[in-house]
């Protein structure tokens, strides 16, 4: 790739050793010993891959210069200074942008503003040219020279759709572009000696290398037309410099956003020497080692060795090569039946950009690097560490559920202590989300959200594995297979319920139902009785109804159900319905009287049940009870038309005679 393509170095140009992970990203890498066998001979299981749909562009050559814009993630192929065409492609762009521009000399840097509305082109060390790509706007170039006398422009960065920063060897100049006026307005400038610079578009931070040795870094933050000078910091050099010349170059630094602060907080031990390059993917630091053609990953969220000021990390997984990649054969459609060509991985023509971009100039491809979680499962055998690792990844849910299923089945069945650890880690994340959601709801309901417009609803990440997920994908499937001993099956279900209770998460009734069904399948009624008696299974109406359905195979379940409904206290209607359906009319009446609801119950409902029981004395008792209630409440034992008891009065007369009807009592 042409030298103008980027300030980022290709892999072979990387300096050997030190501070590779970059202080701005909060990590420094240290090489200590010789690398391992070439190509990662330790075994299979590639956990890194190049994306399946890369950007293909014209290879760099004497006529075609290639540039990369780290903010828009776009590749520019500029032929003959733009006179014979410029083609712009990006990973997210469905349609490439093609245009021509006048050849006014060698292009040093070319980038679109965010949104592709304004093009900026640097051809000299003193100025930057601009061209509007706005509909109905004349495509006339306009130029802005740097304000500082005798300064040379090192490069520029777009921080928004209309704001741009010039970085010179004597400072930075922050401009607002006014496309309709075809001019720029200086917003702020800062004088400082600059050796080189780096830009992190994700955080809108520009890092300037200052001082003679170059190891004092000064960050500036840009947002909404403002420029803020942040605290500078110093990078430790691996050895005392022998002369007062630049000892830290931009090739030694990688800058990316990894949930952390802008200071040295972590050291990554590479345990090898040679040429390195870094990417950051899914909050993982990926270190590529060209000599062995392997890569390793570090997760600064995992525990490391803390020395009082920094945390020292070893790589999480053994070194592996990036997954082999096949490049489709080039040429017309008629000859594309040729076999794909293997891509040369870790090629000397590779150039690495942050956070996850790899460009092969010799082959004309741009890829995003991806982490594959499935192979990690077989490389991280400690299930606790595996869960810690997976819970930090974006696309983790189905992999985690798969791991949970595997640890419950042969041949990878885990011990109950391991299973408990996994459940606790999952429910810890689940509880954090529930608490955040509850806090948000409380703030919204109390109206406090109006005073805090920045308040946002908690994002439910894939790390939130709730009870429905576990039931659907793991536990119900596990119980249906019936592979494990029933004691182990029940222990697993109870362990998950125990974990939910430990984190004070309300257990959903379908989990209890799964326990009961499993116990019934194995005729473990004594255990079911104990679980209910000692309230291991929490009371609920659905659970009580399930118990009722078990009466035919386990008669005590009927009484257990009634006891549960009584404890619920809000299930009085259900209890009455259950008793009436069993023709236990007197028991239902006694229950209603016990809770003081007998003055409001429907007489017809009880009389219907008594008649269906085909017990004349039972019917007489119930009928007499409601006559007495009518006398007490209305001073007359007769039923009112609204009670719709006429057929029951007729039936009473037929069986017991009209003289058996209760007469009104007068005082």
Foldseek 3Di string as FASTA:
>chain_A
DDPLQDPFAFQQVFDKAWQQAFLQQQEIEGADAADDAAFQPVDDQFFKAWDPDWDFDDFDDPFWDWHAAQQQQKIWTDGNQQQVKIWIDHPPDPDIDIDGDDRPADWNDWDAAVVRQKIWTDHFQFKIKIFGPDPPADGDIAMDGDPDPPWGFPDKHHQHNFWIWTQTQFWIWIWGQDRNVNDIDTLDIDTAGFPDWDAENVQQKIWGQHDFQRFWIWIWHDDDSDIHTDDIDGDDDPDDDPDRHHNDDPSSHAHYHQPDHSGNAEYEYPHHIAGWDWAAALSWIWIAHLVRQWIFIWHPLDAACDPPRHGYTYTPFPTHHHPWDFAQDDDDPVPSVDGTHIDDGSDSQWGDHYHFWIARSRRRIITGMHGHLQSVPVGPVQLLVNLVVLLSGQPRQVVLLVSLQQCCDPPNPDDLVSLLSSLLSLVVVQLVLVVQQVVLVVCVVVVVCVVPVVDDHDDDGSSNQDPVNCCPRHLVVSLVVPPDDLVSNLSSLLSNVVSCVVSPHDDDVVSVVSNVVSCVVVVVVVVVVVCLVVVSDPADLVVLVVLVVCCVVPVCSPVSSLVSLVVVVVNLVVNLVSCLVVLVLVVNCVSCVVVPNNLPDQLVSSLVSPVVVVDVVSNVVSLVVQLVSCCVVPQGSDDDVVSVCVVSLVVCCVVPNPVPDDGRDDD
